[in-house]
C-alpha cells in the first residue's frame, strides 16, 4: 500500500457528499489537501475539520461549468507552487430527470459535458504531465453505473465520455507509477443521488480511494466502490490487487 502522508491531493466537490467523505479519509491518512467548491464559503467547515487533523490544506473556488474559471483554478494552484500528487475528480451534476425524454434540451448535454467530462479532463491535462515527469501520480475519476436511462441522457452520456478518455489516457502510463482509474460509488443518498438511493454515502469508503493507495501500476480500470463497503483499506487493497 502506498504511503501518501505529506502528498498533496486536489479534491473537487470537497465540501459535501462523496467528496466530503474522500476529503476526511485522505486527511486521516496524513494527506495534504486542496479543497475545491463553487464558493470559498462552502469549504470553510471542512477546512477547519481537516486542519484540526494535522494536515495542511487550502480552499479554492471555481464554477466547473465555466472553462475560464477551471483554468483560473489551475493557474492559481500552479502559481502557489503546489505539487498535485493526487487528483480526485469527484464533483458532478445530474441536470434533470426527463420523463418526456424526446424533448430533452440541448442544455442538458452541454452543461453535463462541461462539468462531468470537460472540466475533469482539463484538470487531468494540467496535472498529469507533471506527475509523469516526477514519476508518481494518482488520478481517480468518479463515474457512474447508470444505464438504460434515456431520462438522464445528458448525465449518462457525459459519464460515458469520461470513461472513454480515462481509459485512453490510462494506456499512456500503463506499467508506471502514474495511475489513472475510474470509480463508481453506486447509487448513494446524496444531494445528487436523492433520498431514495439504496446506499449510505459512508459506504463508498474505502472503495472511492483505492485508486490513490493502490501500488500495482495498472490504469484504466473501473472500480465499484460498493464491492468494498465495510472493509478496511488494507482488506480492500488486497482484494483489489488480487493478493
Protein backbone atom coordinates (compact mmCIF):
# COMPACT_ATOMS: atom_id res chain seq x y z
CA UNK A 1 0.00 0.00 0.00
CA UNK A 2 1.35 3.39 -0.98
CA UNK A 3 2.04 5.75 1.92
CA UNK A 4 0.53 9.12 0.97
CA UNK A 5 1.42 11.07 4.09
CA UNK A 6 2.58 14.53 3.08
CA UNK A 7 1.36 14.19 -0.50
CA UNK A 8 -0.98 16.84 -1.92
CA UNK A 9 -4.44 15.89 -3.20
CA UNK A 10 -6.85 18.09 -5.13
CA UNK A 11 -10.46 17.08 -4.48
CA UNK A 12 -13.27 18.64 -6.48
CA UNK A 13 -16.58 18.97 -4.66
CA UNK A 14 -14.76 18.53 -1.35
CA UNK A 15 -17.41 20.21 0.79
CA UNK A 16 -20.27 17.71 0.64
CA UNK A 17 -21.48 14.27 -0.36
CA UNK A 18 -18.91 11.79 -1.56
CA UNK A 19 -16.22 14.43 -1.95
CA UNK A 20 -16.54 15.22 1.75
CA UNK A 21 -16.05 11.54 2.61
CA UNK A 22 -12.99 11.35 0.41
CA UNK A 23 -11.60 14.53 1.95
CA UNK A 24 -11.96 13.37 5.53
CA UNK A 25 -10.45 9.96 4.79
CA UNK A 26 -7.46 11.36 2.95
CA UNK A 27 -6.83 13.74 5.85
CA UNK A 28 -6.92 10.77 8.22
CA UNK A 29 -4.07 9.27 6.18
CA UNK A 30 -1.96 12.40 6.52
CA UNK A 31 -2.57 13.73 3.02
CA UNK A 32 -2.47 17.49 2.45
CA UNK A 33 -5.50 18.84 0.65
CA UNK A 34 -6.66 21.38 -1.91
CA UNK A 35 -10.38 21.74 -1.25
CA UNK A 36 -12.48 22.75 -4.24
CA UNK A 37 -16.05 24.03 -4.23
CA UNK A 38 -18.05 26.57 -6.20
CA UNK A 39 -17.71 29.18 -3.43
CA UNK A 40 -14.98 29.54 -0.80
CA UNK A 41 -17.55 29.78 1.97
CA UNK A 42 -18.71 26.25 1.17
CA UNK A 43 -15.38 24.73 2.25
CA UNK A 44 -14.91 26.69 5.47
CA UNK A 45 -16.25 23.91 7.67
CA UNK A 46 -14.34 21.04 6.08
CA UNK A 47 -11.17 23.16 6.06
CA UNK A 48 -11.45 23.59 9.82
CA UNK A 49 -12.06 19.87 10.26
CA UNK A 50 -9.10 18.64 8.22
CA UNK A 51 -6.59 21.18 9.51
CA UNK A 52 -7.59 20.15 13.04
CA UNK A 53 -6.46 16.66 11.99
CA UNK A 54 -2.94 17.99 11.48
CA UNK A 55 -2.68 18.26 7.70
CA UNK A 56 -2.04 21.30 5.54
CA UNK A 57 -4.90 22.49 3.36
CA UNK A 58 -6.27 25.41 1.44
CA UNK A 59 -9.50 26.18 -0.37
CA UNK A 60 -10.08 27.13 -3.96
CA UNK A 61 -13.26 28.03 -5.82
CA UNK A 62 -14.37 27.51 -9.41
CA UNK A 63 -17.63 27.00 -11.22
CA UNK A 64 -16.86 23.89 -13.26
CA UNK A 65 -19.41 24.78 -15.93
CA UNK A 66 -17.20 27.74 -16.89
CA UNK A 67 -13.88 26.72 -18.51
CA UNK A 68 -12.32 30.10 -17.78
CA UNK A 69 -12.88 29.51 -14.04
CA UNK A 70 -11.45 25.99 -14.27
CA UNK A 71 -8.36 27.40 -15.98
CA UNK A 72 -8.08 30.13 -13.36
CA UNK A 73 -8.14 27.47 -10.64
CA UNK A 74 -5.39 25.54 -12.41
CA UNK A 75 -3.31 28.69 -12.78
CA UNK A 76 -3.79 29.61 -9.11
CA UNK A 77 -2.65 26.18 -7.92
CA UNK A 78 0.41 26.28 -10.15
CA UNK A 79 1.24 29.85 -9.12
CA UNK A 80 1.08 28.78 -5.49
CA UNK A 81 3.64 26.09 -6.33
CA UNK A 82 1.62 23.17 -5.06
CA UNK A 83 2.73 19.81 -6.41
CA UNK A 84 -0.53 17.96 -7.07
CA UNK A 85 0.25 14.29 -6.46
CA UNK A 86 -3.34 13.01 -6.39
CA UNK A 87 -6.40 14.26 -8.24
CA UNK A 88 -9.93 13.25 -7.30
CA UNK A 89 -12.33 14.44 -9.99
CA UNK A 90 -15.43 13.91 -7.89
CA UNK A 91 -17.70 16.92 -8.48
CA UNK A 92 -20.54 16.25 -10.91
CA UNK A 93 -24.02 17.40 -11.85
CA UNK A 94 -27.16 15.46 -12.70
CA UNK A 95 -29.27 18.03 -14.55
CA UNK A 96 -32.78 16.61 -14.55
CA UNK A 97 -34.94 13.53 -14.90
CA UNK A 98 -36.79 13.94 -18.19
CA UNK A 99 -39.91 11.78 -18.36
CA UNK A 100 -40.52 13.34 -21.77
CA UNK A 101 -37.03 12.43 -22.89
CA UNK A 102 -37.65 13.07 -26.59
CA UNK A 103 -37.81 16.75 -25.67
CA UNK A 104 -34.50 16.72 -23.78
CA UNK A 105 -32.99 20.19 -24.27
CA UNK A 106 -29.53 20.68 -25.70
CA UNK A 107 -28.50 22.38 -22.47
CA UNK A 108 -28.76 19.05 -20.62
CA UNK A 109 -25.87 17.86 -22.73
CA UNK A 110 -23.78 20.99 -22.85
CA UNK A 111 -23.86 21.60 -19.09
CA UNK A 112 -23.42 17.91 -18.22
CA UNK A 113 -20.43 17.55 -20.53
CA UNK A 114 -18.80 20.74 -19.30
CA UNK A 115 -18.97 19.75 -15.62
CA UNK A 116 -18.76 15.96 -15.82
CA UNK A 117 -16.31 15.49 -18.70
CA UNK A 118 -14.54 18.62 -19.91
CA UNK A 119 -13.65 20.17 -16.53
CA UNK A 120 -12.23 16.87 -15.18
CA UNK A 121 -10.18 16.43 -18.34
CA UNK A 122 -8.86 19.98 -18.14
CA UNK A 123 -7.57 19.08 -14.67
CA UNK A 124 -6.10 15.80 -15.95
CA UNK A 125 -4.35 17.58 -18.80
CA UNK A 126 -2.97 20.21 -16.42
CA UNK A 127 -1.67 17.94 -13.66
CA UNK A 128 -0.94 14.59 -15.30
CA UNK A 129 2.17 15.69 -17.29
CA UNK A 130 3.97 16.93 -14.13
CA UNK A 131 3.06 13.62 -12.46
CA UNK A 132 4.70 11.78 -15.37
CA UNK A 133 7.79 13.98 -15.12
CA UNK A 134 8.11 13.27 -11.39
CA UNK A 135 7.39 9.57 -11.81
CA UNK A 136 4.43 9.48 -9.43
CA UNK A 137 0.77 10.41 -9.52
CA UNK A 138 -2.76 9.15 -8.96
CA UNK A 139 -5.93 10.31 -10.73
CA UNK A 140 -9.33 8.97 -9.72
CA UNK A 141 -12.28 9.99 -11.88
CA UNK A 142 -15.74 9.39 -10.45
CA UNK A 143 -18.02 7.69 -12.95
CA UNK A 144 -21.50 6.16 -12.82
CA UNK A 145 -23.04 2.77 -13.45
CA UNK A 146 -26.15 4.41 -14.90
CA UNK A 147 -27.54 2.68 -17.98
CA UNK A 148 -30.82 2.25 -19.87
CA UNK A 149 -31.96 5.67 -18.62
CA UNK A 150 -32.87 7.90 -21.56
CA UNK A 151 -34.49 10.14 -18.95
CA UNK A 152 -30.98 11.16 -17.84
CA UNK A 153 -29.24 11.12 -21.20
CA UNK A 154 -27.03 14.17 -20.67
CA UNK A 155 -25.66 12.80 -17.41
CA UNK A 156 -25.12 9.24 -18.62
CA UNK A 157 -23.51 10.34 -21.89
CA UNK A 158 -21.12 12.69 -20.09
CA UNK A 159 -20.03 9.91 -17.75
CA UNK A 160 -19.59 7.50 -20.67
CA UNK A 161 -17.34 10.09 -22.32
CA UNK A 162 -15.34 10.44 -19.11
CA UNK A 163 -14.91 6.65 -19.04
CA UNK A 164 -13.57 6.67 -22.61
CA UNK A 165 -10.99 9.41 -22.18
CA UNK A 166 -9.85 7.98 -18.83
CA UNK A 167 -9.24 4.55 -20.31
CA UNK A 168 -7.49 6.04 -23.31
CA UNK A 169 -5.19 8.12 -21.11
CA UNK A 170 -4.54 5.06 -18.98
CA UNK A 171 -2.85 3.31 -21.90
CA UNK A 172 -0.18 6.03 -21.98
CA UNK A 173 1.00 5.36 -18.42
CA UNK A 174 0.34 1.62 -18.03
CA UNK A 175 3.14 -0.04 -16.06
CA UNK A 176 4.32 3.22 -14.50
CA UNK A 177 3.78 4.76 -11.08
CA UNK A 178 1.31 7.24 -12.55
CA UNK A 179 -2.12 5.65 -12.39
CA UNK A 180 -5.47 6.92 -13.67
CA UNK A 181 -8.62 4.96 -12.91
CA UNK A 182 -12.40 5.22 -12.63
CA UNK A 183 -14.54 4.65 -9.56
CA UNK A 184 -18.29 4.10 -9.46
CA UNK A 185 -19.68 4.94 -6.00
CA UNK A 186 -23.03 3.29 -6.66
CA UNK A 187 -26.36 4.98 -6.08
CA UNK A 188 -25.96 6.85 -2.79
CA UNK A 189 -28.18 9.09 -0.68
CA UNK A 190 -26.51 12.39 -1.50
CA UNK A 191 -27.80 15.68 -2.88
CA UNK A 192 -27.18 14.24 -6.35
CA UNK A 193 -28.47 10.71 -5.67
CA UNK A 194 -31.54 11.73 -3.71
CA UNK A 195 -33.18 10.26 -0.58
CA UNK A 196 -34.42 7.04 -2.24
CA UNK A 197 -30.96 5.75 -3.11
CA UNK A 198 -30.14 2.37 -1.50
CA UNK A 199 -26.60 3.13 -0.32
CA UNK A 200 -25.43 5.22 2.60
CA UNK A 201 -22.78 7.68 1.38
CA UNK A 202 -20.39 6.43 4.06
CA UNK A 203 -20.35 3.06 2.27
CA UNK A 204 -18.15 4.47 -0.50
CA UNK A 205 -15.10 4.40 1.75
CA UNK A 206 -12.65 2.74 1.21
CA UNK A 207 -13.72 1.97 -2.38
CA UNK A 208 -13.57 5.58 -3.56
CA UNK A 209 -9.94 5.98 -2.53
CA UNK A 210 -8.47 2.64 -3.64
CA UNK A 211 -7.05 4.18 -6.80
CA UNK A 212 -4.95 6.53 -4.68
CA UNK A 213 -3.40 3.88 -2.46
CA UNK A 214 -3.02 1.04 -4.97
CA UNK A 215 0.55 0.31 -5.99
CA UNK A 216 0.21 -2.17 -8.86
CA UNK A 217 0.90 0.24 -11.75
CA UNK A 218 -2.35 -0.52 -13.57
CA UNK A 219 -4.58 2.11 -15.16
CA UNK A 220 -7.87 2.43 -16.98
CA UNK A 221 -9.84 0.25 -14.57
CA UNK A 222 -13.42 0.57 -13.36
CA UNK A 223 -13.63 0.27 -9.57
CA UNK A 224 -17.01 -0.43 -7.98
CA UNK A 225 -16.86 1.20 -4.55
CA UNK A 226 -19.74 -0.85 -3.20
CA UNK A 227 -17.70 -4.05 -3.70
CA UNK A 228 -15.51 -2.87 -0.80
CA UNK A 229 -18.13 -1.47 1.58
CA UNK A 230 -17.44 -2.36 5.20
CA UNK A 231 -13.81 -3.31 4.59
CA UNK A 232 -10.69 -1.71 5.97
CA UNK A 233 -8.41 -0.03 3.47
CA UNK A 234 -5.90 -2.85 3.84
CA UNK A 235 -8.53 -5.53 3.23
CA UNK A 236 -9.91 -3.68 0.23
CA UNK A 237 -6.49 -3.24 -1.35
CA UNK A 238 -5.74 -6.96 -1.04
CA UNK A 239 -8.97 -7.76 -2.82
CA UNK A 240 -8.46 -5.04 -5.42
CA UNK A 241 -4.91 -6.02 -6.27
CA UNK A 242 -5.71 -9.74 -6.13
CA UNK A 243 -3.27 -10.51 -3.33
